Amino acid sequence: MTAQAYAGAPGAMEPPEAQSIRSMLHIVRILAVIFGVLLFLGGLVYLGLVYATWSTCTSVAGNVCSALGFLLLTPLILVIFGVVDVVIYIQMKEIERLVNNRQYEAAKGKTLIWMILGFILGGLIIGILLLIAYLKFDPLITWQRNQGAAGTPMMAAPMGAAGGAPAGATGQKFCSSCGSPNAPGAGFCAKCGAALPP
């Protein structure tokens, strides 16, 4: 696996999977905003048409058409799907920020959540792209752990941080997710809440 220069830290190297994940997140953001706007506006138009038809029918036929009010459920679902797509767009920016900060484990966890919601509410294409991005995190996490074990400095964590081993004479534990220093007896990271090794 060849490594490439990382724009966020001059001289630092990272595997090509990181750029691939960033590209997929960009595509998901574009698709999510397109699907979100189309579903939201389409749902509102459809809701207006169904409501106009239903109200006309009830005024003419009375109670015969009043049972057709359940037809309003379909456009409401479309509007909800549109809102979820917009939220997915916002969350992709947060995941990309985590990738840029080399917080790959935190980014992988968030990707899993939004991949599931993408399959259920965001659209099949969004779910598939997020599944591929999710699978690409494993080589990145392995690479990051190997970098820490080899004593190579990483952008998000000081030397020796990836394994959670004490750094220097202070005895501090470093979080393997975000690289933050923690007290020697801490069980969880004070910054991101990830479990620290014993």
N, C-alpha and C. Protein backbone atom coordinates (compact mmCIF):
# COMPACT_ATOMS: atom_id res chain seq x y z
N MET A 1 0.84 -1.17 0.00
CA MET A 1 0.00 0.00 0.00
C MET A 1 0.90 1.24 0.00
N THR A 2 0.72 2.07 -1.00
CA THR A 2 1.55 3.27 -1.07
C THR A 2 0.90 4.39 -0.30
N ALA A 3 1.71 5.23 0.29
CA ALA A 3 1.19 6.36 1.06
C ALA A 3 1.41 7.63 0.26
N GLN A 4 0.61 8.63 0.54
CA GLN A 4 0.74 9.90 -0.15
C GLN A 4 0.82 11.03 0.85
N ALA A 5 1.33 12.17 0.39
CA ALA A 5 1.46 13.31 1.29
C ALA A 5 0.08 13.78 1.71
N TYR A 6 -0.05 14.13 2.95
CA TYR A 6 -1.32 14.58 3.53
C TYR A 6 -1.34 16.09 3.57
N ALA A 7 -2.36 16.67 2.97
CA ALA A 7 -2.41 18.13 2.84
C ALA A 7 -2.46 18.83 4.19
N GLY A 8 -3.07 18.17 5.20
CA GLY A 8 -3.22 18.83 6.49
C GLY A 8 -1.95 18.90 7.29
N ALA A 9 -0.94 18.10 6.99
CA ALA A 9 0.30 18.11 7.75
C ALA A 9 1.46 17.90 6.80
N PRO A 10 2.23 18.93 6.51
CA PRO A 10 3.32 18.81 5.56
C PRO A 10 4.27 17.69 5.97
N GLY A 11 4.62 16.86 5.01
CA GLY A 11 5.56 15.78 5.26
C GLY A 11 4.92 14.52 5.80
N ALA A 12 3.70 14.61 6.35
CA ALA A 12 3.03 13.42 6.88
C ALA A 12 2.48 12.61 5.71
N MET A 13 2.40 11.31 5.89
CA MET A 13 1.93 10.43 4.83
C MET A 13 0.68 9.72 5.31
N GLU A 14 -0.16 9.36 4.35
CA GLU A 14 -1.34 8.57 4.68
C GLU A 14 -1.70 7.71 3.49
N PRO A 15 -2.39 6.60 3.71
CA PRO A 15 -2.76 5.69 2.62
C PRO A 15 -3.75 6.35 1.66
N PRO A 16 -3.82 5.83 0.43
CA PRO A 16 -4.75 6.41 -0.56
C PRO A 16 -6.22 6.20 -0.19
N GLU A 17 -6.53 5.26 0.72
CA GLU A 17 -7.93 5.05 1.13
C GLU A 17 -8.54 6.31 1.72
N ALA A 18 -7.71 7.14 2.37
CA ALA A 18 -8.24 8.36 2.99
C ALA A 18 -8.81 9.29 1.93
N GLN A 19 -8.10 9.47 0.83
CA GLN A 19 -8.61 10.33 -0.24
C GLN A 19 -9.82 9.70 -0.90
N SER A 20 -9.82 8.38 -1.01
CA SER A 20 -10.97 7.68 -1.59
C SER A 20 -12.22 7.90 -0.72
N ILE A 21 -12.04 7.83 0.60
CA ILE A 21 -13.17 8.07 1.51
C ILE A 21 -13.66 9.50 1.37
N ARG A 22 -12.73 10.45 1.29
CA ARG A 22 -13.14 11.85 1.12
C ARG A 22 -13.95 12.04 -0.15
N SER A 23 -13.52 11.40 -1.24
CA SER A 23 -14.24 11.51 -2.51
C SER A 23 -15.64 10.94 -2.39
N MET A 24 -15.77 9.79 -1.72
CA MET A 24 -17.10 9.19 -1.54
C MET A 24 -18.00 10.08 -0.69
N LEU A 25 -17.43 10.68 0.34
CA LEU A 25 -18.22 11.58 1.19
C LEU A 25 -18.69 12.79 0.40
N HIS A 26 -17.85 13.29 -0.52
CA HIS A 26 -18.26 14.41 -1.38
C HIS A 26 -19.43 14.00 -2.27
N ILE A 27 -19.34 12.80 -2.86
CA ILE A 27 -20.41 12.32 -3.73
C ILE A 27 -21.70 12.14 -2.93
N VAL A 28 -21.58 11.57 -1.72
CA VAL A 28 -22.77 11.38 -0.87
C VAL A 28 -23.38 12.74 -0.54
N ARG A 29 -22.55 13.73 -0.24
CA ARG A 29 -23.08 15.07 0.08
C ARG A 29 -23.86 15.64 -1.10
N ILE A 30 -23.31 15.50 -2.31
CA ILE A 30 -23.99 16.02 -3.50
C ILE A 30 -25.32 15.30 -3.70
N LEU A 31 -25.29 13.95 -3.63
CA LEU A 31 -26.52 13.18 -3.82
C LEU A 31 -27.55 13.48 -2.73
N ALA A 32 -27.08 13.61 -1.49
CA ALA A 32 -28.00 13.86 -0.38
C ALA A 32 -28.70 15.20 -0.55
N VAL A 33 -27.98 16.22 -0.96
CA VAL A 33 -28.64 17.53 -1.11
C VAL A 33 -29.60 17.52 -2.31
N ILE A 34 -29.23 16.82 -3.39
CA ILE A 34 -30.12 16.73 -4.54
C ILE A 34 -31.39 15.95 -4.17
N PHE A 35 -31.20 14.74 -3.59
CA PHE A 35 -32.35 13.94 -3.18
C PHE A 35 -33.19 14.68 -2.14
N GLY A 36 -32.53 15.33 -1.21
CA GLY A 36 -33.24 16.04 -0.14
C GLY A 36 -34.15 17.13 -0.68
N VAL A 37 -33.61 17.95 -1.57
CA VAL A 37 -34.41 19.05 -2.14
C VAL A 37 -35.55 18.50 -2.98
N LEU A 38 -35.24 17.50 -3.83
CA LEU A 38 -36.29 16.93 -4.70
C LEU A 38 -37.40 16.26 -3.89
N LEU A 39 -37.01 15.46 -2.90
CA LEU A 39 -38.03 14.78 -2.09
C LEU A 39 -38.84 15.77 -1.26
N PHE A 40 -38.16 16.75 -0.68
CA PHE A 40 -38.86 17.72 0.16
C PHE A 40 -39.86 18.54 -0.67
N LEU A 41 -39.37 19.12 -1.78
CA LEU A 41 -40.27 19.94 -2.61
C LEU A 41 -41.34 19.08 -3.29
N GLY A 42 -40.94 17.89 -3.79
CA GLY A 42 -41.92 16.99 -4.40
C GLY A 42 -42.97 16.55 -3.41
N GLY A 43 -42.55 16.27 -2.17
CA GLY A 43 -43.50 15.88 -1.14
C GLY A 43 -44.47 17.00 -0.80
N LEU A 44 -43.96 18.25 -0.75
CA LEU A 44 -44.85 19.38 -0.47
C LEU A 44 -45.87 19.59 -1.58
N VAL A 45 -45.41 19.49 -2.84
CA VAL A 45 -46.34 19.65 -3.98
C VAL A 45 -47.38 18.53 -3.96
N TYR A 46 -46.90 17.30 -3.77
CA TYR A 46 -47.80 16.15 -3.72
C TYR A 46 -48.79 16.29 -2.56
N LEU A 47 -48.31 16.77 -1.41
CA LEU A 47 -49.17 16.98 -0.26
C LEU A 47 -50.26 18.00 -0.58
N GLY A 48 -49.88 19.08 -1.26
CA GLY A 48 -50.86 20.10 -1.65
C GLY A 48 -51.91 19.55 -2.59
N LEU A 49 -51.47 18.74 -3.58
CA LEU A 49 -52.42 18.17 -4.54
C LEU A 49 -53.37 17.18 -3.87
N VAL A 50 -52.82 16.32 -3.02
CA VAL A 50 -53.67 15.34 -2.33
C VAL A 50 -54.66 16.04 -1.41
N TYR A 51 -54.18 17.07 -0.69
CA TYR A 51 -55.07 17.78 0.22
C TYR A 51 -56.18 18.51 -0.55
N ALA A 52 -55.82 19.13 -1.69
CA ALA A 52 -56.83 19.83 -2.49
C ALA A 52 -57.87 18.84 -3.02
N THR A 53 -57.42 17.69 -3.50
CA THR A 53 -58.34 16.67 -4.02
C THR A 53 -59.23 16.14 -2.90
N TRP A 54 -58.62 15.87 -1.75
CA TRP A 54 -59.37 15.33 -0.61
C TRP A 54 -60.40 16.33 -0.11
N SER A 55 -60.02 17.60 0.00
CA SER A 55 -60.97 18.61 0.51
C SER A 55 -62.10 18.85 -0.48
N THR A 56 -61.79 18.81 -1.80
CA THR A 56 -62.84 18.96 -2.81
C THR A 56 -63.81 17.79 -2.75
N CYS A 57 -63.24 16.60 -2.61
CA CYS A 57 -64.07 15.38 -2.56
C CYS A 57 -64.97 15.39 -1.33
N THR A 58 -64.43 15.79 -0.16
CA THR A 58 -65.26 15.79 1.05
C THR A 58 -66.35 16.85 0.99
N SER A 59 -66.07 17.97 0.30
CA SER A 59 -67.10 19.01 0.21
C SER A 59 -68.23 18.59 -0.74
N VAL A 60 -67.90 17.74 -1.73
CA VAL A 60 -68.91 17.30 -2.69
C VAL A 60 -69.62 16.04 -2.20
N ALA A 61 -68.82 15.03 -1.76
CA ALA A 61 -69.40 13.73 -1.43
C ALA A 61 -69.58 13.53 0.07
N GLY A 62 -69.12 14.46 0.87
CA GLY A 62 -69.30 14.35 2.32
C GLY A 62 -68.44 13.27 2.94
N ASN A 63 -69.08 12.44 3.76
CA ASN A 63 -68.36 11.43 4.53
C ASN A 63 -67.77 10.31 3.68
N VAL A 64 -68.19 10.18 2.43
CA VAL A 64 -67.67 9.12 1.57
C VAL A 64 -66.17 9.29 1.37
N CYS A 65 -65.70 10.53 1.20
CA CYS A 65 -64.28 10.78 0.93
C CYS A 65 -63.47 11.06 2.19
N SER A 66 -64.13 11.24 3.30
CA SER A 66 -63.36 11.59 4.51
C SER A 66 -62.41 10.48 4.92
N ALA A 67 -62.72 9.24 4.56
CA ALA A 67 -61.83 8.12 4.90
C ALA A 67 -60.56 8.12 4.06
N LEU A 68 -60.52 8.93 3.00
CA LEU A 68 -59.34 8.97 2.13
C LEU A 68 -58.24 9.87 2.68
N GLY A 69 -58.41 10.39 3.88
CA GLY A 69 -57.39 11.25 4.49
C GLY A 69 -56.06 10.55 4.68
N PHE A 70 -56.07 9.20 4.72
CA PHE A 70 -54.81 8.46 4.89
C PHE A 70 -53.87 8.67 3.70
N LEU A 71 -54.41 9.13 2.56
CA LEU A 71 -53.56 9.39 1.40
C LEU A 71 -52.55 10.51 1.67
N LEU A 72 -52.81 11.33 2.69
CA LEU A 72 -51.87 12.40 3.04
C LEU A 72 -50.58 11.84 3.64
N LEU A 73 -50.61 10.58 4.05
CA LEU A 73 -49.43 9.97 4.68
C LEU A 73 -48.26 9.84 3.71
N THR A 74 -48.53 9.48 2.46
CA THR A 74 -47.46 9.28 1.48
C THR A 74 -46.65 10.56 1.24
N PRO A 75 -47.27 11.71 0.95
CA PRO A 75 -46.45 12.91 0.77
C PRO A 75 -45.72 13.34 2.04
N LEU A 76 -46.32 13.08 3.21
CA LEU A 76 -45.62 13.41 4.45
C LEU A 76 -44.35 12.58 4.60
N ILE A 77 -44.42 11.30 4.21
CA ILE A 77 -43.23 10.44 4.26
C ILE A 77 -42.15 10.97 3.31
N LEU A 78 -42.54 11.43 2.13
CA LEU A 78 -41.58 12.00 1.18
C LEU A 78 -40.88 13.22 1.78
N VAL A 79 -41.64 14.07 2.46
CA VAL A 79 -41.05 15.25 3.10
C VAL A 79 -40.06 14.83 4.18
N ILE A 80 -40.42 13.83 4.97
CA ILE A 80 -39.51 13.34 6.02
C ILE A 80 -38.23 12.79 5.41
N PHE A 81 -38.34 12.02 4.32
CA PHE A 81 -37.15 11.49 3.64
C PHE A 81 -36.26 12.63 3.14
N GLY A 82 -36.90 13.69 2.63
CA GLY A 82 -36.13 14.85 2.17
C GLY A 82 -35.36 15.51 3.29
N VAL A 83 -35.99 15.64 4.45
CA VAL A 83 -35.32 16.24 5.62
C VAL A 83 -34.16 15.35 6.07
N VAL A 84 -34.35 14.03 6.07
CA VAL A 84 -33.28 13.11 6.46
C VAL A 84 -32.09 13.24 5.51
N ASP A 85 -32.34 13.39 4.22
CA ASP A 85 -31.24 13.57 3.26
C ASP A 85 -30.45 14.84 3.54
N VAL A 86 -31.12 15.90 3.92
CA VAL A 86 -30.42 17.15 4.26
C VAL A 86 -29.56 16.93 5.52
N VAL A 87 -30.08 16.19 6.49
CA VAL A 87 -29.30 15.89 7.70
C VAL A 87 -28.09 15.03 7.35
N ILE A 88 -28.25 14.08 6.43
CA ILE A 88 -27.12 13.27 5.98
C ILE A 88 -26.06 14.17 5.36
N TYR A 89 -26.47 15.13 4.57
CA TYR A 89 -25.52 16.09 3.97
C TYR A 89 -24.70 16.79 5.05
N ILE A 90 -25.36 17.23 6.10
CA ILE A 90 -24.66 17.93 7.20
C ILE A 90 -23.71 16.98 7.91
N GLN A 91 -24.13 15.75 8.14
CA GLN A 91 -23.30 14.78 8.85
C GLN A 91 -22.08 14.36 8.04
N MET A 92 -22.17 14.38 6.71
CA MET A 92 -21.02 14.02 5.88
C MET A 92 -19.89 15.03 6.07
N LYS A 93 -20.25 16.30 6.29
CA LYS A 93 -19.22 17.31 6.55
C LYS A 93 -18.50 17.01 7.86
N GLU A 94 -19.23 16.56 8.87
CA GLU A 94 -18.63 16.22 10.16
C GLU A 94 -17.72 15.00 10.03
N ILE A 95 -18.16 13.98 9.28
CA ILE A 95 -17.32 12.79 9.09
C ILE A 95 -16.06 13.16 8.33
N GLU A 96 -16.19 14.02 7.33
CA GLU A 96 -15.01 14.45 6.58
C GLU A 96 -14.03 15.21 7.48
N ARG A 97 -14.55 16.00 8.40
CA ARG A 97 -13.68 16.71 9.35
C ARG A 97 -12.91 15.71 10.21
N LEU A 98 -13.58 14.65 10.65
CA LEU A 98 -12.91 13.62 11.44
C LEU A 98 -11.82 12.92 10.63
N VAL A 99 -12.10 12.65 9.35
CA VAL A 99 -11.09 12.01 8.49
C VAL A 99 -9.90 12.95 8.32
N ASN A 100 -10.16 14.24 8.10
CA ASN A 100 -9.07 15.20 7.94
C ASN A 100 -8.22 15.31 9.20
N ASN A 101 -8.83 15.10 10.36
CA ASN A 101 -8.09 15.12 11.63
C ASN A 101 -7.51 13.75 11.99
N ARG A 102 -7.66 12.81 11.09
CA ARG A 102 -7.18 11.43 11.26
C ARG A 102 -7.81 10.74 12.47
N GLN A 103 -9.04 11.06 12.76
CA GLN A 103 -9.80 10.38 13.80
C GLN A 103 -10.65 9.30 13.11
N TYR A 104 -9.94 8.30 12.58
CA TYR A 104 -10.58 7.32 11.71
C TYR A 104 -11.59 6.45 12.43
N GLU A 105 -11.33 6.08 13.68
CA GLU A 105 -12.28 5.21 14.39
C GLU A 105 -13.58 5.95 14.69
N ALA A 106 -13.48 7.21 15.10
CA ALA A 106 -14.69 8.00 15.34
C ALA A 106 -15.46 8.20 14.04
N ALA A 107 -14.73 8.45 12.94
CA ALA A 107 -15.37 8.64 11.63
C ALA A 107 -16.05 7.36 11.17
N LYS A 108 -15.41 6.21 11.44
CA LYS A 108 -16.01 4.93 11.05
C LYS A 108 -17.31 4.68 11.81
N GLY A 109 -17.32 5.00 13.11
CA GLY A 109 -18.54 4.83 13.90
C GLY A 109 -19.68 5.69 13.39
N LYS A 110 -19.39 6.95 13.08
CA LYS A 110 -20.43 7.84 12.55
C LYS A 110 -20.91 7.37 11.18
N THR A 111 -19.96 6.87 10.36
CA THR A 111 -20.34 6.39 9.03
C THR A 111 -21.30 5.22 9.13
N LEU A 112 -21.09 4.33 10.10
CA LEU A 112 -21.98 3.18 10.27
C LEU A 112 -23.41 3.64 10.55
N ILE A 113 -23.55 4.60 11.45
CA ILE A 113 -24.89 5.10 11.80
C ILE A 113 -25.59 5.67 10.58
N TRP A 114 -24.88 6.53 9.84
CA TRP A 114 -25.51 7.21 8.71
C TRP A 114 -25.64 6.29 7.50
N MET A 115 -24.83 5.23 7.43
CA MET A 115 -25.00 4.23 6.38
C MET A 115 -26.34 3.52 6.58
N ILE A 116 -26.63 3.12 7.83
CA ILE A 116 -27.89 2.43 8.11
C ILE A 116 -29.08 3.35 7.81
N LEU A 117 -29.00 4.60 8.30
CA LEU A 117 -30.08 5.54 8.01
C LEU A 117 -30.16 5.85 6.52
N GLY A 118 -29.01 5.84 5.84
CA GLY A 118 -29.01 6.07 4.40
C GLY A 118 -29.76 4.98 3.66
N PHE A 119 -29.52 3.72 4.05
CA PHE A 119 -30.24 2.62 3.42
C PHE A 119 -31.74 2.71 3.69
N ILE A 120 -32.12 3.07 4.92
CA ILE A 120 -33.53 3.07 5.30
C ILE A 120 -34.27 4.29 4.77
N LEU A 121 -33.67 5.48 4.99
CA LEU A 121 -34.40 6.72 4.70
C LEU A 121 -33.76 7.61 3.63
N GLY A 122 -32.48 7.44 3.36
CA GLY A 122 -31.79 8.38 2.48
C GLY A 122 -31.72 7.97 1.03
N GLY A 123 -31.88 6.71 0.75
CA GLY A 123 -31.79 6.24 -0.63
C GLY A 123 -30.74 5.15 -0.74
N LEU A 124 -30.98 4.21 -1.62
CA LEU A 124 -30.11 3.04 -1.78
C LEU A 124 -28.71 3.44 -2.23
N ILE A 125 -28.60 4.41 -3.14
CA ILE A 125 -27.28 4.81 -3.65
C ILE A 125 -26.44 5.41 -2.51
N ILE A 126 -27.04 6.24 -1.69
CA ILE A 126 -26.33 6.84 -0.56
C ILE A 126 -25.88 5.76 0.41
N GLY A 127 -26.75 4.81 0.69
CA GLY A 127 -26.40 3.71 1.60
C GLY A 127 -25.25 2.88 1.07
N ILE A 128 -25.25 2.58 -0.24
CA ILE A 128 -24.18 1.77 -0.83
C ILE A 128 -22.85 2.52 -0.78
N LEU A 129 -22.85 3.80 -1.12
CA LEU A 129 -21.61 4.59 -1.07
C LEU A 129 -21.05 4.66 0.35
N LEU A 130 -21.93 4.83 1.32
CA LEU A 130 -21.46 4.89 2.71
C LEU A 130 -20.97 3.52 3.19
N LEU A 131 -21.55 2.43 2.67
CA LEU A 131 -21.07 1.09 3.00
C LEU A 131 -19.64 0.90 2.48
N ILE A 132 -19.38 1.33 1.25
CA ILE A 132 -18.03 1.22 0.68
C ILE A 132 -17.05 2.06 1.48
N ALA A 133 -17.46 3.29 1.83
CA ALA A 133 -16.58 4.14 2.64
C ALA A 133 -16.31 3.51 4.00
N TYR A 134 -17.34 2.91 4.59
CA TYR A 134 -17.20 2.26 5.89
C TYR A 134 -16.16 1.13 5.83
N LEU A 135 -16.20 0.34 4.76
CA LEU A 135 -15.26 -0.77 4.62
C LEU A 135 -13.83 -0.28 4.40
N LYS A 136 -13.68 0.90 3.83
CA LYS A 136 -12.34 1.44 3.57
C LYS A 136 -11.67 1.98 4.83
N PHE A 137 -12.42 2.13 5.92
CA PHE A 137 -11.81 2.64 7.16
C PHE A 137 -10.88 1.62 7.81
N ASP A 138 -11.13 0.32 7.63
CA ASP A 138 -10.31 -0.69 8.29
C ASP A 138 -8.83 -0.59 7.94
N PRO A 139 -8.46 -0.48 6.64
CA PRO A 139 -7.04 -0.32 6.33
C PRO A 139 -6.45 0.96 6.92
N LEU A 140 -7.25 2.02 6.98
CA LEU A 140 -6.76 3.28 7.56
C LEU A 140 -6.47 3.13 9.05
N ILE A 141 -7.39 2.48 9.76
CA ILE A 141 -7.21 2.30 11.20
C ILE A 141 -6.00 1.41 11.47
N THR A 142 -5.85 0.34 10.67
CA THR A 142 -4.69 -0.54 10.82
C THR A 142 -3.41 0.23 10.55
N TRP A 143 -3.41 1.04 9.50
CA TRP A 143 -2.23 1.85 9.15
C TRP A 143 -1.89 2.81 10.30
N GLN A 144 -2.93 3.44 10.87
CA GLN A 144 -2.69 4.40 11.94
C GLN A 144 -2.11 3.71 13.18
N ARG A 145 -2.61 2.53 13.49
CA ARG A 145 -2.08 1.78 14.64
C ARG A 145 -0.63 1.36 14.38
N ASN A 146 -0.34 0.95 13.16
CA ASN A 146 1.03 0.56 12.83
C ASN A 146 1.98 1.76 12.90
N GLN A 147 1.48 2.93 12.49
CA GLN A 147 2.30 4.14 12.58
C GLN A 147 2.65 4.43 14.03
N GLY A 148 1.65 4.31 14.91
CA GLY A 148 1.89 4.57 16.33
C GLY A 148 2.82 3.54 16.95
N ALA A 149 2.66 2.27 16.52
CA ALA A 149 3.51 1.21 17.07
C ALA A 149 4.96 1.36 16.61
N ALA A 150 5.13 1.90 15.39
CA ALA A 150 6.48 2.08 14.86
C ALA A 150 7.13 3.35 15.40
N GLY A 151 6.38 4.14 16.15
CA GLY A 151 6.93 5.38 16.71
C GLY A 151 6.96 6.52 15.72
N THR A 152 6.21 6.41 14.61
CA THR A 152 6.16 7.48 13.63
C THR A 152 5.15 8.51 14.09
N PRO A 153 5.47 9.79 14.08
CA PRO A 153 4.51 10.79 14.53
C PRO A 153 3.29 10.85 13.63
N MET A 154 2.13 11.04 14.25
CA MET A 154 0.89 11.21 13.51
C MET A 154 0.32 12.58 13.82
N MET A 155 -0.49 13.09 12.91
CA MET A 155 -1.00 14.45 13.09
C MET A 155 -1.92 14.56 14.30
N ALA A 156 -2.82 13.57 14.49
CA ALA A 156 -3.84 13.72 15.52
C ALA A 156 -3.36 13.28 16.89
N ALA A 157 -2.19 12.67 16.99
CA ALA A 157 -1.76 12.16 18.28
C ALA A 157 -0.26 12.27 18.43
N PRO A 158 0.23 12.48 19.63
CA PRO A 158 1.67 12.49 19.87
C PRO A 158 2.25 11.10 19.70
N MET A 159 3.58 11.01 19.66
CA MET A 159 4.23 9.71 19.49
C MET A 159 3.81 8.77 20.61
N GLY A 160 3.53 7.54 20.23
CA GLY A 160 3.16 6.53 21.21
C GLY A 160 1.70 6.59 21.61
N ALA A 161 0.92 7.50 21.01
CA ALA A 161 -0.46 7.67 21.44
C ALA A 161 -1.38 6.58 20.94
N ALA A 162 -1.12 6.03 19.76
CA ALA A 162 -2.08 5.11 19.16
C ALA A 162 -2.28 3.86 20.02
N GLY A 163 -1.26 3.42 20.72
CA GLY A 163 -1.43 2.23 21.55
C GLY A 163 -1.91 2.55 22.93
N GLY A 164 -2.06 3.82 23.28
CA GLY A 164 -2.51 4.20 24.60
C GLY A 164 -1.43 4.03 25.65
N ALA A 165 -0.19 3.80 25.24
CA ALA A 165 0.89 3.58 26.20
C ALA A 165 1.32 4.90 26.80
N PRO A 166 1.88 4.89 27.98
CA PRO A 166 2.35 6.13 28.59
C PRO A 166 3.40 6.79 27.73
N ALA A 167 3.36 8.11 27.65
CA ALA A 167 4.32 8.86 26.86
C ALA A 167 5.24 9.60 27.79
N GLY A 168 6.52 9.33 27.69
CA GLY A 168 7.49 10.05 28.50
C GLY A 168 7.37 9.67 29.96
N ALA A 169 7.79 10.58 30.82
CA ALA A 169 7.81 10.30 32.25
C ALA A 169 6.51 10.68 32.94
N THR A 170 5.56 11.28 32.20
CA THR A 170 4.33 11.75 32.82
C THR A 170 3.38 10.60 33.14
N GLY A 171 3.45 9.51 32.41
CA GLY A 171 2.56 8.38 32.63
C GLY A 171 1.17 8.60 32.07
N GLN A 172 0.99 9.63 31.25
CA GLN A 172 -0.32 9.90 30.67
C GLN A 172 -0.70 8.82 29.69
N LYS A 173 -2.03 8.61 29.57
CA LYS A 173 -2.56 7.72 28.54
C LYS A 173 -3.04 8.61 27.39
N PHE A 174 -2.81 8.16 26.16
CA PHE A 174 -3.29 8.89 25.01
C PHE A 174 -4.40 8.10 24.35
N CYS A 175 -5.46 8.80 23.96
CA CYS A 175 -6.64 8.17 23.34
C CYS A 175 -6.26 7.68 21.94
N SER A 176 -6.65 6.44 21.62
CA SER A 176 -6.36 5.90 20.29
C SER A 176 -7.30 6.47 19.23
N SER A 177 -8.43 7.07 19.65
CA SER A 177 -9.36 7.65 18.69
C SER A 177 -9.00 9.08 18.31
N CYS A 178 -8.75 9.93 19.33
CA CYS A 178 -8.51 11.35 19.03
C CYS A 178 -7.11 11.82 19.40
N GLY A 179 -6.34 11.00 20.13
CA GLY A 179 -4.97 11.36 20.46
C GLY A 179 -4.81 12.29 21.64
N SER A 180 -5.89 12.57 22.36
CA SER A 180 -5.81 13.49 23.49
C SER A 180 -5.14 12.83 24.68
N PRO A 181 -4.33 13.60 25.44
CA PRO A 181 -3.73 13.04 26.65
C PRO A 181 -4.77 12.93 27.76
N ASN A 182 -4.64 11.89 28.58
CA ASN A 182 -5.56 11.66 29.69
C ASN A 182 -4.75 11.29 30.93
N ALA A 183 -5.37 11.41 32.09
CA ALA A 183 -4.71 11.08 33.35
C ALA A 183 -4.33 9.60 33.36
N PRO A 184 -3.28 9.21 34.08
CA PRO A 184 -2.82 7.82 34.09
C PRO A 184 -3.90 6.81 34.48
N GLY A 185 -4.81 7.13 35.39
CA GLY A 185 -5.81 6.17 35.83
C GLY A 185 -7.13 6.26 35.10
N ALA A 186 -7.22 7.09 34.06
CA ALA A 186 -8.49 7.31 33.36
C ALA A 186 -8.92 6.06 32.60
N GLY A 187 -10.22 5.81 32.60
CA GLY A 187 -10.77 4.67 31.86
C GLY A 187 -11.35 5.09 30.52
N PHE A 188 -11.74 6.38 30.41
CA PHE A 188 -12.33 6.89 29.19
C PHE A 188 -11.70 8.22 28.85
N CYS A 189 -11.66 8.53 27.55
CA CYS A 189 -11.05 9.77 27.08
C CYS A 189 -11.89 10.97 27.55
N ALA A 190 -11.24 11.98 28.07
CA ALA A 190 -11.93 13.18 28.54
C ALA A 190 -12.46 14.01 27.38
N LYS A 191 -11.88 13.87 26.19
CA LYS A 191 -12.29 14.68 25.04
C LYS A 191 -13.41 14.03 24.23
N CYS A 192 -13.19 12.75 23.82
CA CYS A 192 -14.17 12.11 22.92
C CYS A 192 -14.95 10.98 23.59
N GLY A 193 -14.56 10.55 24.80
CA GLY A 193 -15.31 9.53 25.52
C GLY A 193 -14.98 8.10 25.14
N ALA A 194 -13.99 7.89 24.25
CA ALA A 194 -13.64 6.52 23.86
C ALA A 194 -12.96 5.80 25.03
N ALA A 195 -13.13 4.48 25.07
CA ALA A 195 -12.50 3.69 26.14
C ALA A 195 -11.00 3.68 25.96
N LEU A 196 -10.28 3.84 27.07
CA LEU A 196 -8.83 3.83 27.07
C LEU A 196 -8.34 2.44 27.47
N PRO A 197 -7.19 2.01 26.93
CA PRO A 197 -6.67 0.70 27.32
C PRO A 197 -6.22 0.73 28.78
N PRO A 198 -6.19 -0.43 29.43
CA PRO A 198 -5.81 -0.46 30.85
C PRO A 198 -4.34 -0.09 31.05
